[in-house]
Amino acid sequence: MAKEILLTGDRPTGKLHIGHYIGSLKNRVKLQDSGNYDPYIMIADTQALTDNARNPEKIRNSLVQVALDYLAVGIDPEKSTIFVQSQIPALFELTAYYMDLVSVARLERNPTVKAEIQQKDFKDSIPVGFLNYPVSQAADITAFKATVVPVGDDQEPMLEQTREIVRSFNRIYGKEVLVEPKGYFPAKGHGRLPGLDGNAKMSKSLGNAIYLADDAETVKKKVMSMYTDPNHIHVEDPGQVEGNMVFTYLDVFDPDKDKVAELKAAYQKGGLGDVKIKRYLNQVLEAELAPIRERREKFAQDLDSVYEMLLEGSKKANETANATLNEVRAAIGLNYFDR
């Protein structure tokens, strides 16, 4: 049976955190190791430049950090093609052709784009590249004829835009060149991990994240500062578990669900202090993060090999994307000199 082609990736705007890990990275390793997929994993530096064009060093410095995080969690370059978006020229040409099939009004209606424009507070200064990134994303997906794209629920509108472009292209040019992708969504409760402070989003800018590169002492300090129940002042006070980040994280990371249920009951009854449950959470997180940290440190000792891996992955990705580009050019009729 033919393998499904999978495309996914991350913007290199900083080191990856445990929200990325639980929301996507851990699942990528599972899919990779299943043997049922041919994964292409993209470090989306060009997309990151759409709102960081005046700070390219941020992207450059983050590129290898993201690659180290990939390797540390178990993404294997022997099983997955890890590549750099800007090194694949075919993606930009495909984007140009797809732009002619999408209106500005349609891009402005995209719910994901609208939400991110509001979040970044662009007002009337929206970079064209940022507005256009659903089209660029369609190029990324279709260049590799990806059939499966792991995404969060909030990214479904982006996938639907890709499917619209695929259908328009195939209909207009009369050839089934492009493939419609389907989404692969995280299991319930394993989507976006909230920040340590209870904010719905974990991010570097908010300073509320635990990074895969954090050392054990840093992780401990961050856990001990986590948001719990502000009304749980004394150990004997009954406490709330809803909205309490320690229990939110235990629900996600602790495989011993019976233990978590016991702790919740004790906390709600009164007599269980925040310090004790935070120390327990720290143990749970360390069991998961320590092996990742060790692998990351090992790979970081040979950065030349990491860059070589990215180069080889980009070469392979180029071959695949160029083959699709040639089909697209032929379908449009731009192969004037192929006689």
C-alpha atoms as a PDB file:
ATOM      1  CA  MET A   1       0.000   0.000   0.000  1.00  0.00           C
ATOM      2  CA  ALA A   2       1.322   3.425  -0.967  1.00  0.00           C
ATOM      3  CA  LYS A   3       2.265   5.732   1.867  1.00  0.00           C
ATOM      4  CA  GLU A   4       0.328   8.919   2.469  1.00  0.00           C
ATOM      5  CA  ILE A   5       2.385  12.062   1.963  1.00  0.00           C
ATOM      6  CA  LEU A   6       2.441  14.282   5.032  1.00  0.00           C
ATOM      7  CA  LEU A   7       3.498  17.932   5.189  1.00  0.00           C
ATOM      8  CA  THR A   8       3.928  19.946   8.347  1.00  0.00           C
ATOM      9  CA  GLY A   9       6.364  22.443   9.842  1.00  0.00           C
ATOM     10  CA  ASP A  10       7.086  25.407  12.080  1.00  0.00           C
ATOM     11  CA  ARG A  11       8.103  29.033  11.780  1.00  0.00           C
ATOM     12  CA  PRO A  12      11.648  29.601  13.082  1.00  0.00           C
ATOM     13  CA  THR A  13      10.961  32.528  15.385  1.00  0.00           C
ATOM     14  CA  GLY A  14      12.487  30.976  18.509  1.00  0.00           C
ATOM     15  CA  LYS A  15      13.054  27.663  20.233  1.00  0.00           C
ATOM     16  CA  LEU A  16      10.095  25.301  20.386  1.00  0.00           C
ATOM     17  CA  HIS A  17       8.224  24.786  23.657  1.00  0.00           C
ATOM     18  CA  ILE A  18       6.218  22.013  25.262  1.00  0.00           C
ATOM     19  CA  GLY A  19       3.052  23.410  23.679  1.00  0.00           C
ATOM     20  CA  HIS A  20       4.565  22.615  20.274  1.00  0.00           C
ATOM     21  CA  TYR A  21       5.658  19.246  21.611  1.00  0.00           C
ATOM     22  CA  ILE A  22       2.298  18.080  22.899  1.00  0.00           C
ATOM     23  CA  GLY A  23       0.306  19.777  20.121  1.00  0.00           C
ATOM     24  CA  SER A  24       2.284  18.540  17.105  1.00  0.00           C
ATOM     25  CA  LEU A  25       5.867  17.289  17.542  1.00  0.00           C
ATOM     26  CA  LYS A  26       5.009  14.188  19.559  1.00  0.00           C
ATOM     27  CA  ASN A  27       2.364  13.237  17.037  1.00  0.00           C
ATOM     28  CA  ARG A  28       4.758  13.751  14.106  1.00  0.00           C
ATOM     29  CA  VAL A  29       7.141  11.224  15.595  1.00  0.00           C
ATOM     30  CA  LYS A  30       4.278   8.767  16.048  1.00  0.00           C
ATOM     31  CA  LEU A  31       3.147   9.184  12.439  1.00  0.00           C
ATOM     32  CA  GLN A  32       6.728   8.997  11.164  1.00  0.00           C
ATOM     33  CA  ASP A  33       7.418   5.779  13.058  1.00  0.00           C
ATOM     34  CA  SER A  34       4.144   4.144  11.990  1.00  0.00           C
ATOM     35  CA  GLY A  35       5.605   3.502   8.546  1.00  0.00           C
ATOM     36  CA  ASN A  36       2.360   4.636   6.895  1.00  0.00           C
ATOM     37  CA  TYR A  37       3.549   8.122   5.946  1.00  0.00           C
ATOM     38  CA  ASP A  38       6.225   9.832   3.892  1.00  0.00           C
ATOM     39  CA  PRO A  39       6.714  12.998   6.000  1.00  0.00           C
ATOM     40  CA  TYR A  40       8.049  16.322   4.717  1.00  0.00           C
ATOM     41  CA  ILE A  41       8.797  18.641   7.630  1.00  0.00           C
ATOM     42  CA  MET A  42       9.414  22.254   6.697  1.00  0.00           C
ATOM     43  CA  ILE A  43      11.181  24.982   8.612  1.00  0.00           C
ATOM     44  CA  ALA A  44       9.071  27.850   7.301  1.00  0.00           C
ATOM     45  CA  ASP A  45      11.602  30.688   7.317  1.00  0.00           C
ATOM     46  CA  THR A  46      10.013  32.523   4.391  1.00  0.00           C
ATOM     47  CA  GLN A  47       6.648  32.549   6.117  1.00  0.00           C
ATOM     48  CA  ALA A  48       8.326  33.763   9.307  1.00  0.00           C
ATOM     49  CA  LEU A  49       9.747  36.714   7.373  1.00  0.00           C
ATOM     50  CA  THR A  50       6.240  37.942   6.492  1.00  0.00           C
ATOM     51  CA  ASP A  51       6.080  39.628   9.902  1.00  0.00           C
ATOM     52  CA  ASN A  52       9.800  39.622  10.779  1.00  0.00           C
ATOM     53  CA  ALA A  53      11.328  41.034   7.590  1.00  0.00           C
ATOM     54  CA  ARG A  54      13.083  43.805   9.515  1.00  0.00           C
ATOM     55  CA  ASN A  55      14.687  41.324  11.883  1.00  0.00           C
ATOM     56  CA  PRO A  56      16.139  38.537   9.702  1.00  0.00           C
ATOM     57  CA  GLU A  57      18.730  37.599  12.327  1.00  0.00           C
ATOM     58  CA  LYS A  58      15.893  36.325  14.505  1.00  0.00           C
ATOM     59  CA  ILE A  59      14.992  33.862  11.758  1.00  0.00           C
ATOM     60  CA  ARG A  60      18.585  32.917  10.996  1.00  0.00           C
ATOM     61  CA  ASN A  61      19.426  32.283  14.659  1.00  0.00           C
ATOM     62  CA  SER A  62      16.249  30.290  15.242  1.00  0.00           C
ATOM     63  CA  LEU A  63      16.642  27.997  12.238  1.00  0.00           C
ATOM     64  CA  VAL A  64      19.168  25.641  13.802  1.00  0.00           C
ATOM     65  CA  GLN A  65      17.365  25.794  17.172  1.00  0.00           C
ATOM     66  CA  VAL A  66      14.189  24.458  15.572  1.00  0.00           C
ATOM     67  CA  ALA A  67      16.221  21.769  13.785  1.00  0.00           C
ATOM     68  CA  LEU A  68      17.767  20.733  17.113  1.00  0.00           C
ATOM     69  CA  ASP A  69      14.319  20.543  18.695  1.00  0.00           C
ATOM     70  CA  TYR A  70      13.141  18.308  15.828  1.00  0.00           C
ATOM     71  CA  LEU A  71      16.034  15.912  16.257  1.00  0.00           C
ATOM     72  CA  ALA A  72      15.724  15.948  20.047  1.00  0.00           C
ATOM     73  CA  VAL A  73      12.084  14.815  20.081  1.00  0.00           C
ATOM     74  CA  GLY A  74      12.830  11.957  17.692  1.00  0.00           C
ATOM     75  CA  ILE A  75      12.171  13.251  14.190  1.00  0.00           C
ATOM     76  CA  ASP A  76      14.522  11.068  12.153  1.00  0.00           C
ATOM     77  CA  PRO A  77      16.036  12.440   8.899  1.00  0.00           C
ATOM     78  CA  GLU A  78      16.236   8.814   7.679  1.00  0.00           C
ATOM     79  CA  LYS A  79      12.433   8.616   7.874  1.00  0.00           C
ATOM     80  CA  SER A  80      11.374  12.254   7.404  1.00  0.00           C
ATOM     81  CA  THR A  81      12.573  14.897   4.954  1.00  0.00           C
ATOM     82  CA  ILE A  82      13.469  17.980   7.000  1.00  0.00           C
ATOM     83  CA  PHE A  83      13.956  21.007   4.745  1.00  0.00           C
ATOM     84  CA  VAL A  84      14.149  24.801   4.685  1.00  0.00           C
ATOM     85  CA  GLN A  85      11.335  26.625   2.885  1.00  0.00           C
ATOM     86  CA  SER A  86      13.472  29.419   1.395  1.00  0.00           C
ATOM     87  CA  GLN A  87      15.740  26.878  -0.289  1.00  0.00           C
ATOM     88  CA  ILE A  88      12.924  25.538  -2.505  1.00  0.00           C
ATOM     89  CA  PRO A  89      12.527  28.033  -5.415  1.00  0.00           C
ATOM     90  CA  ALA A  90       9.584  26.114  -6.904  1.00  0.00           C
ATOM     91  CA  LEU A  91       7.427  27.158  -3.938  1.00  0.00           C
ATOM     92  CA  PHE A  92       7.665  30.816  -4.934  1.00  0.00           C
ATOM     93  CA  GLU A  93       6.787  30.187  -8.569  1.00  0.00           C
ATOM     94  CA  LEU A  94       3.800  28.048  -7.569  1.00  0.00           C
ATOM     95  CA  THR A  95       2.673  30.818  -5.213  1.00  0.00           C
ATOM     96  CA  ALA A  96       2.752  33.293  -8.108  1.00  0.00           C
ATOM     97  CA  TYR A  97       0.514  31.089 -10.260  1.00  0.00           C
ATOM     98  CA  TYR A  98      -1.936  30.419  -7.418  1.00  0.00           C
ATOM     99  CA  MET A  99      -2.221  34.120  -6.597  1.00  0.00           C
ATOM    100  CA  ASP A 100      -4.069  34.574  -9.883  1.00  0.00           C
ATOM    101  CA  LEU A 101      -6.763  32.169  -8.701  1.00  0.00           C
ATOM    102  CA  VAL A 102      -7.586  33.930  -5.407  1.00  0.00           C
ATOM    103  CA  SER A 103      -9.167  37.328  -4.783  1.00  0.00           C
ATOM    104  CA  VAL A 104      -8.008  39.807  -2.151  1.00  0.00           C
ATOM    105  CA  ALA A 105     -11.525  39.722  -0.686  1.00  0.00           C
ATOM    106  CA  ARG A 106     -11.275  35.944  -0.215  1.00  0.00           C
ATOM    107  CA  LEU A 107      -7.963  36.290   1.618  1.00  0.00           C
ATOM    108  CA  GLU A 108      -9.384  39.010   3.851  1.00  0.00           C
ATOM    109  CA  ARG A 109     -12.329  36.747   4.748  1.00  0.00           C
ATOM    110  CA  ASN A 110     -10.090  33.889   5.868  1.00  0.00           C
ATOM    111  CA  PRO A 111     -10.898  33.546   9.618  1.00  0.00           C
ATOM    112  CA  THR A 112      -7.373  32.451  10.560  1.00  0.00           C
ATOM    113  CA  VAL A 113      -5.814  35.390   8.721  1.00  0.00           C
ATOM    114  CA  LYS A 114      -8.317  37.832  10.234  1.00  0.00           C
ATOM    115  CA  ALA A 115      -7.578  36.574  13.740  1.00  0.00           C
ATOM    116  CA  GLU A 116      -3.813  36.786  13.299  1.00  0.00           C
ATOM    117  CA  ILE A 117      -3.981  40.255  11.748  1.00  0.00           C
ATOM    118  CA  GLN A 118      -5.933  41.420  14.798  1.00  0.00           C
ATOM    119  CA  GLN A 119      -3.546  39.654  17.164  1.00  0.00           C
ATOM    120  CA  LYS A 120      -0.479  41.260  15.567  1.00  0.00           C
ATOM    121  CA  ASP A 121      -2.217  44.662  15.483  1.00  0.00           C
ATOM    122  CA  PHE A 122      -1.174  45.477  11.906  1.00  0.00           C
ATOM    123  CA  LYS A 123      -4.095  47.909  11.460  1.00  0.00           C
ATOM    124  CA  ASP A 124      -3.637  49.389   7.946  1.00  0.00           C
ATOM    125  CA  SER A 125      -0.036  48.214   7.606  1.00  0.00           C
ATOM    126  CA  ILE A 126      -0.598  44.559   6.727  1.00  0.00           C
ATOM    127  CA  PRO A 127       2.397  43.212   4.781  1.00  0.00           C
ATOM    128  CA  VAL A 128       1.276  41.798   1.424  1.00  0.00           C
ATOM    129  CA  GLY A 129       3.240  38.644   2.160  1.00  0.00           C
ATOM    130  CA  PHE A 130       1.334  38.114   5.401  1.00  0.00           C
ATOM    131  CA  LEU A 131      -2.065  38.563   3.766  1.00  0.00           C
ATOM    132  CA  ASN A 132      -0.965  36.188   1.025  1.00  0.00           C
ATOM    133  CA  TYR A 133       0.409  33.431   3.223  1.00  0.00           C
ATOM    134  CA  PRO A 134      -2.617  31.108   2.747  1.00  0.00           C
ATOM    135  CA  VAL A 135      -1.649  31.047  -0.946  1.00  0.00           C
ATOM    136  CA  SER A 136       1.985  30.427  -0.056  1.00  0.00           C
ATOM    137  CA  GLN A 137       0.845  27.635   2.251  1.00  0.00           C
ATOM    138  CA  ALA A 138      -1.135  26.112  -0.598  1.00  0.00           C
ATOM    139  CA  ALA A 139       2.068  26.088  -2.645  1.00  0.00           C
ATOM    140  CA  ASP A 140       3.912  24.342   0.190  1.00  0.00           C
ATOM    141  CA  ILE A 141       1.259  21.652   0.480  1.00  0.00           C
ATOM    142  CA  THR A 142       0.646  21.010  -3.212  1.00  0.00           C
ATOM    143  CA  ALA A 143       4.331  21.073  -4.206  1.00  0.00           C
ATOM    144  CA  PHE A 144       4.757  17.775  -2.377  1.00  0.00           C
ATOM    145  CA  LYS A 145       1.259  16.516  -3.245  1.00  0.00           C
ATOM    146  CA  ALA A 146       0.624  16.154   0.459  1.00  0.00           C
ATOM    147  CA  THR A 147      -2.498  14.168   1.265  1.00  0.00           C
ATOM    148  CA  VAL A 148      -2.325  14.752   5.027  1.00  0.00           C
ATOM    149  CA  VAL A 149      -1.539  17.997   6.865  1.00  0.00           C
ATOM    150  CA  PRO A 150      -1.454  17.905  10.692  1.00  0.00           C
ATOM    151  CA  VAL A 151      -2.996  21.152  11.941  1.00  0.00           C
ATOM    152  CA  GLY A 152      -4.782  22.629  14.908  1.00  0.00           C
ATOM    153  CA  ASP A 153      -8.530  23.213  14.718  1.00  0.00           C
ATOM    154  CA  ASP A 154      -7.925  26.937  14.141  1.00  0.00           C
ATOM    155  CA  GLN A 155      -6.016  26.166  10.929  1.00  0.00           C
ATOM    156  CA  GLU A 156      -8.845  24.376   9.122  1.00  0.00           C
ATOM    157  CA  PRO A 157      -9.764  27.569   7.168  1.00  0.00           C
ATOM    158  CA  MET A 158      -6.221  27.592   5.778  1.00  0.00           C
ATOM    159  CA  LEU A 159      -6.582  24.019   4.563  1.00  0.00           C
ATOM    160  CA  GLU A 160      -9.942  24.800   2.985  1.00  0.00           C
ATOM    161  CA  GLN A 161      -8.310  27.661   1.076  1.00  0.00           C
ATOM    162  CA  THR A 162      -5.743  25.194  -0.264  1.00  0.00           C
ATOM    163  CA  ARG A 163      -8.503  22.837  -1.361  1.00  0.00           C
ATOM    164  CA  GLU A 164     -10.264  25.714  -3.148  1.00  0.00           C
ATOM    165  CA  ILE A 165      -7.060  26.537  -5.036  1.00  0.00           C
ATOM    166  CA  VAL A 166      -6.568  22.869  -5.976  1.00  0.00           C
ATOM    167  CA  ARG A 167     -10.117  22.587  -7.294  1.00  0.00           C
ATOM    168  CA  SER A 168      -9.865  25.874  -9.220  1.00  0.00           C
ATOM    169  CA  PHE A 169      -6.539  24.938 -10.802  1.00  0.00           C
ATOM    170  CA  ASN A 170      -7.625  21.448 -11.855  1.00  0.00           C
ATOM    171  CA  ARG A 171     -10.919  22.763 -13.264  1.00  0.00           C
ATOM    172  CA  ILE A 172      -9.459  25.732 -15.147  1.00  0.00           C
ATOM    173  CA  TYR A 173      -6.560  23.839 -16.695  1.00  0.00           C
ATOM    174  CA  GLY A 174      -8.460  20.591 -17.209  1.00  0.00           C
ATOM    175  CA  LYS A 175      -5.940  18.314 -15.569  1.00  0.00           C
ATOM    176  CA  GLU A 176      -5.870  16.566 -12.197  1.00  0.00           C
ATOM    177  CA  VAL A 177      -2.384  17.808 -11.393  1.00  0.00           C
ATOM    178  CA  LEU A 178      -2.894  18.996  -7.829  1.00  0.00           C
ATOM    179  CA  VAL A 179      -4.070  16.904  -4.877  1.00  0.00           C
ATOM    180  CA  GLU A 180      -6.580  18.001  -2.241  1.00  0.00           C
ATOM    181  CA  PRO A 181      -5.188  17.558   1.293  1.00  0.00           C
ATOM    182  CA  LYS A 182      -7.084  16.527   4.380  1.00  0.00           C
ATOM    183  CA  GLY A 183      -6.353  17.677   7.905  1.00  0.00           C
ATOM    184  CA  TYR A 184      -5.023  15.526  10.708  1.00  0.00           C
ATOM    185  CA  PHE A 185      -6.186  17.077  13.956  1.00  0.00           C
ATOM    186  CA  PRO A 186      -4.830  16.580  17.500  1.00  0.00           C
ATOM    187  CA  ALA A 187      -6.773  14.339  19.861  1.00  0.00           C
ATOM    188  CA  LYS A 188      -9.216  16.100  22.156  1.00  0.00           C
ATOM    189  CA  GLY A 189      -7.349  17.705  25.035  1.00  0.00           C
ATOM    190  CA  HIS A 190      -4.060  17.669  23.143  1.00  0.00           C
ATOM    191  CA  GLY A 191      -4.461  20.822  21.096  1.00  0.00           C
ATOM    192  CA  ARG A 192      -3.145  24.189  22.208  1.00  0.00           C
ATOM    193  CA  LEU A 193      -1.527  24.054  25.641  1.00  0.00           C
ATOM    194  CA  PRO A 194      -2.239  27.173  27.722  1.00  0.00           C
ATOM    195  CA  GLY A 195       0.588  29.236  29.165  1.00  0.00           C
ATOM    196  CA  LEU A 196       2.013  28.833  32.648  1.00  0.00           C
ATOM    197  CA  ASP A 197       0.162  31.999  33.674  1.00  0.00           C
ATOM    198  CA  GLY A 198      -3.222  30.688  32.545  1.00  0.00           C
ATOM    199  CA  ASN A 199      -3.167  32.681  29.319  1.00  0.00           C
ATOM    200  CA  ALA A 200      -4.829  30.782  26.486  1.00  0.00           C
ATOM    201  CA  LYS A 201      -1.632  31.003  24.466  1.00  0.00           C
ATOM    202  CA  MET A 202       1.843  29.802  25.371  1.00  0.00           C
ATOM    203  CA  SER A 203       4.396  32.051  23.685  1.00  0.00           C
ATOM    204  CA  LYS A 204       7.878  33.499  23.943  1.00  0.00           C
ATOM    205  CA  SER A 205       6.586  37.077  23.879  1.00  0.00           C
ATOM    206  CA  LEU A 206       4.387  36.450  26.921  1.00  0.00           C
ATOM    207  CA  GLY A 207       7.190  34.722  28.846  1.00  0.00           C
ATOM    208  CA  ASN A 208       4.865  31.898  29.857  1.00  0.00           C
ATOM    209  CA  ALA A 209       6.417  28.886  28.160  1.00  0.00           C
ATOM    210  CA  ILE A 210       8.624  25.923  29.050  1.00  0.00           C
ATOM    211  CA  TYR A 211      11.085  25.287  26.220  1.00  0.00           C
ATOM    212  CA  LEU A 212      12.426  21.924  25.129  1.00  0.00           C
ATOM    213  CA  ALA A 213      15.896  23.443  25.570  1.00  0.00           C
ATOM    214  CA  ASP A 214      15.291  24.574  29.178  1.00  0.00           C
ATOM    215  CA  ASP A 215      17.557  22.949  31.762  1.00  0.00           C
ATOM    216  CA  ALA A 216      16.103  21.082  34.745  1.00  0.00           C
ATOM    217  CA  GLU A 217      16.494  23.993  37.149  1.00  0.00           C
ATOM    218  CA  THR A 218      14.750  26.402  34.761  1.00  0.00           C
ATOM    219  CA  VAL A 219      11.853  23.994  34.301  1.00  0.00           C
ATOM    220  CA  LYS A 220      11.522  23.644  38.077  1.00  0.00           C
ATOM    221  CA  LYS A 221      11.465  27.427  38.595  1.00  0.00           C
ATOM    222  CA  LYS A 222       8.812  27.851  35.918  1.00  0.00           C
ATOM    223  CA  VAL A 223       6.655  25.072  37.342  1.00  0.00           C
ATOM    224  CA  MET A 224       6.869  26.532  40.847  1.00  0.00           C
ATOM    225  CA  SER A 225       5.638  29.874  39.473  1.00  0.00           C
ATOM    226  CA  MET A 226       2.602  28.402  37.693  1.00  0.00           C
ATOM    227  CA  TYR A 227      -0.892  29.823  38.038  1.00  0.00           C
ATOM    228  CA  THR A 228      -3.109  27.709  40.294  1.00  0.00           C
ATOM    229  CA  ASP A 229      -6.164  28.798  42.299  1.00  0.00           C
ATOM    230  CA  PRO A 230      -5.706  32.361  43.640  1.00  0.00           C
ATOM    231  CA  ASN A 231      -8.265  31.636  46.386  1.00  0.00           C
ATOM    232  CA  HIS A 232      -6.382  28.568  47.609  1.00  0.00           C
ATOM    233  CA  ILE A 233      -4.416  30.530  50.190  1.00  0.00           C
ATOM    234  CA  HIS A 234      -3.998  27.926  52.938  1.00  0.00           C
ATOM    235  CA  VAL A 235      -3.268  24.212  52.535  1.00  0.00           C
ATOM    236  CA  GLU A 236      -6.508  23.278  54.294  1.00  0.00           C
ATOM    237  CA  ASP A 237      -8.624  25.446  51.958  1.00  0.00           C
ATOM    238  CA  PRO A 238     -10.671  23.625  49.293  1.00  0.00           C
ATOM    239  CA  GLY A 239      -9.202  24.400  45.864  1.00  0.00           C
ATOM    240  CA  GLN A 240     -10.423  24.690  42.293  1.00  0.00           C
ATOM    241  CA  VAL A 241      -8.945  22.397  39.632  1.00  0.00           C
ATOM    242  CA  GLU A 242     -10.707  24.078  36.696  1.00  0.00           C
ATOM    243  CA  GLY A 243      -8.420  26.759  35.286  1.00  0.00           C
ATOM    244  CA  ASN A 244      -5.617  25.561  37.555  1.00  0.00           C
ATOM    245  CA  MET A 245      -2.621  25.169  35.265  1.00  0.00           C
ATOM    246  CA  VAL A 246      -0.939  22.486  37.371  1.00  0.00           C
ATOM    247  CA  PHE A 247      -3.887  20.157  36.889  1.00  0.00           C
ATOM    248  CA  THR A 248      -4.282  21.188  33.256  1.00  0.00           C
ATOM    249  CA  TYR A 249      -0.690  20.099  32.646  1.00  0.00           C
ATOM    250  CA  LEU A 250      -1.068  16.911  34.694  1.00  0.00           C
ATOM    251  CA  ASP A 251      -4.092  15.967  32.575  1.00  0.00           C
ATOM    252  CA  VAL A 252      -1.912  16.286  29.485  1.00  0.00           C
ATOM    253  CA  PHE A 253       1.457  14.912  30.631  1.00  0.00           C
ATOM    254  CA  ASP A 254       0.833  12.403  33.431  1.00  0.00           C
ATOM    255  CA  PRO A 255       0.135   8.884  32.115  1.00  0.00           C
ATOM    256  CA  ASP A 256      -1.162   7.867  35.564  1.00  0.00           C
ATOM    257  CA  LYS A 257      -4.714   9.181  35.241  1.00  0.00           C
ATOM    258  CA  ASP A 258      -5.841   7.510  38.488  1.00  0.00           C
ATOM    259  CA  LYS A 259      -3.141   9.402  40.383  1.00  0.00           C
ATOM    260  CA  VAL A 260      -4.271  12.688  38.823  1.00  0.00           C
ATOM    261  CA  ALA A 261      -7.877  11.948  39.796  1.00  0.00           C
ATOM    262  CA  GLU A 262      -6.792  11.282  43.406  1.00  0.00           C
ATOM    263  CA  LEU A 263      -4.840  14.546  43.550  1.00  0.00           C
ATOM    264  CA  LYS A 264      -7.789  16.494  42.148  1.00  0.00           C
ATOM    265  CA  ALA A 265     -10.145  15.039  44.750  1.00  0.00           C
ATOM    266  CA  ALA A 266      -7.703  15.809  47.587  1.00  0.00           C
ATOM    267  CA  TYR A 267      -7.138  19.364  46.331  1.00  0.00           C
ATOM    268  CA  GLN A 268     -10.873  20.052  46.018  1.00  0.00           C
ATOM    269  CA  LYS A 269     -11.491  18.657  49.491  1.00  0.00           C
ATOM    270  CA  GLY A 270      -8.732  20.714  51.104  1.00  0.00           C
ATOM    271  CA  GLY A 271      -5.474  19.616  52.694  1.00  0.00           C
ATOM    272  CA  LEU A 272      -3.283  19.479  49.601  1.00  0.00           C
ATOM    273  CA  GLY A 273      -0.956  22.423  49.024  1.00  0.00           C
ATOM    274  CA  ASP A 274       0.129  24.037  45.778  1.00  0.00           C
ATOM    275  CA  VAL A 275       3.807  23.393  46.468  1.00  0.00           C
ATOM    276  CA  LYS A 276       3.236  19.649  46.720  1.00  0.00           C
ATOM    277  CA  ILE A 277       1.311  19.354  43.453  1.00  0.00           C
ATOM    278  CA  LYS A 278       3.819  21.579  41.664  1.00  0.00           C
ATOM    279  CA  ARG A 279       6.679  19.357  42.821  1.00  0.00           C
ATOM    280  CA  TYR A 280       4.778  16.336  41.538  1.00  0.00           C
ATOM    281  CA  LEU A 281       4.165  18.012  38.178  1.00  0.00           C
ATOM    282  CA  ASN A 282       7.853  18.852  37.944  1.00  0.00           C
ATOM    283  CA  GLN A 283       8.685  15.153  38.367  1.00  0.00           C
ATOM    284  CA  VAL A 284       6.215  14.229  35.627  1.00  0.00           C
ATOM    285  CA  LEU A 285       7.615  16.828  33.238  1.00  0.00           C
ATOM    286  CA  GLU A 286      11.206  15.849  33.958  1.00  0.00           C
ATOM    287  CA  ALA A 287      10.441  12.224  33.109  1.00  0.00           C
ATOM    288  CA  GLU A 288       9.295  13.426  29.676  1.00  0.00           C
ATOM    289  CA  LEU A 289      11.774  16.236  29.059  1.00  0.00           C
ATOM    290  CA  ALA A 290      15.064  14.874  30.418  1.00  0.00           C
ATOM    291  CA  PRO A 291      15.649  12.405  27.529  1.00  0.00           C
ATOM    292  CA  ILE A 292      14.750  15.138  25.005  1.00  0.00           C
ATOM    293  CA  ARG A 293      17.159  17.555  26.677  1.00  0.00           C
ATOM    294  CA  GLU A 294      19.964  14.988  26.619  1.00  0.00           C
ATOM    295  CA  ARG A 295      19.490  14.252  22.918  1.00  0.00           C
ATOM    296  CA  ARG A 296      19.352  17.960  22.127  1.00  0.00           C
ATOM    297  CA  GLU A 297      22.640  18.613  23.903  1.00  0.00           C
ATOM    298  CA  LYS A 298      24.253  15.753  21.994  1.00  0.00           C
ATOM    299  CA  PHE A 299      23.126  17.059  18.588  1.00  0.00           C
ATOM    300  CA  ALA A 300      24.136  20.624  19.536  1.00  0.00           C
ATOM    301  CA  GLN A 301      27.745  19.477  19.839  1.00  0.00           C
ATOM    302  CA  ASP A 302      27.924  18.934  16.072  1.00  0.00           C
ATOM    303  CA  LEU A 303      26.059  21.789  14.386  1.00  0.00           C
ATOM    304  CA  ASP A 304      27.862  21.168  11.082  1.00  0.00           C
ATOM    305  CA  SER A 305      26.068  17.833  10.845  1.00  0.00           C
ATOM    306  CA  VAL A 306      22.751  19.516  11.610  1.00  0.00           C
ATOM    307  CA  TYR A 307      23.246  22.013   8.763  1.00  0.00           C
ATOM    308  CA  GLU A 308      24.319  19.160   6.473  1.00  0.00           C
ATOM    309  CA  MET A 309      21.103  17.340   7.334  1.00  0.00           C
ATOM    310  CA  LEU A 310      19.078  20.446   6.429  1.00  0.00           C
ATOM    311  CA  LEU A 311      20.990  20.801   3.153  1.00  0.00           C
ATOM    312  CA  GLU A 312      20.390  17.185   2.143  1.00  0.00           C
ATOM    313  CA  GLY A 313      16.717  17.415   3.095  1.00  0.00           C
ATOM    314  CA  SER A 314      16.339  20.594   1.054  1.00  0.00           C
ATOM    315  CA  LYS A 315      17.952  18.924  -1.973  1.00  0.00           C
ATOM    316  CA  LYS A 316      15.451  16.068  -1.793  1.00  0.00           C
ATOM    317  CA  ALA A 317      12.545  18.476  -1.298  1.00  0.00           C
ATOM    318  CA  ASN A 318      13.725  20.457  -4.325  1.00  0.00           C
ATOM    319  CA  GLU A 319      13.522  17.401  -6.553  1.00  0.00           C
ATOM    320  CA  THR A 320       9.951  16.673  -5.475  1.00  0.00           C
ATOM    321  CA  ALA A 321       8.779  20.297  -5.751  1.00  0.00           C
ATOM    322  CA  ASN A 322      10.407  20.783  -9.161  1.00  0.00           C
ATOM    323  CA  ALA A 323       8.611  17.726 -10.526  1.00  0.00           C
ATOM    324  CA  THR A 324       5.262  19.201  -9.433  1.00  0.00           C
ATOM    325  CA  LEU A 325       6.208  22.620 -10.832  1.00  0.00           C
ATOM    326  CA  ASN A 326       6.944  21.080 -14.236  1.00  0.00           C
ATOM    327  CA  GLU A 327       3.488  19.475 -14.235  1.00  0.00           C
ATOM    328  CA  VAL A 328       1.888  22.792 -13.284  1.00  0.00           C
ATOM    329  CA  ARG A 329       3.729  24.692 -16.005  1.00  0.00           C
ATOM    330  CA  ALA A 330       2.724  22.094 -18.570  1.00  0.00           C
ATOM    331  CA  ALA A 331      -0.917  22.228 -17.480  1.00  0.00           C
ATOM    332  CA  ILE A 332      -1.000  26.029 -17.802  1.00  0.00           C
ATOM    333  CA  GLY A 333       0.801  25.837 -21.149  1.00  0.00           C
ATOM    334  CA  LEU A 334       4.044  27.531 -20.174  1.00  0.00           C
ATOM    335  CA  ASN A 335       6.233  24.732 -21.550  1.00  0.00           C
ATOM    336  CA  TYR A 336       6.796  26.613 -24.815  1.00  0.00           C
ATOM    337  CA  PHE A 337      10.125  25.032 -25.619  1.00  0.00           C
ATOM    338  CA  ASP A 338       9.296  21.414 -24.830  1.00  0.00           C
ATOM    339  CA  ARG A 339       9.123  20.074 -28.386  1.00  0.00           C
END
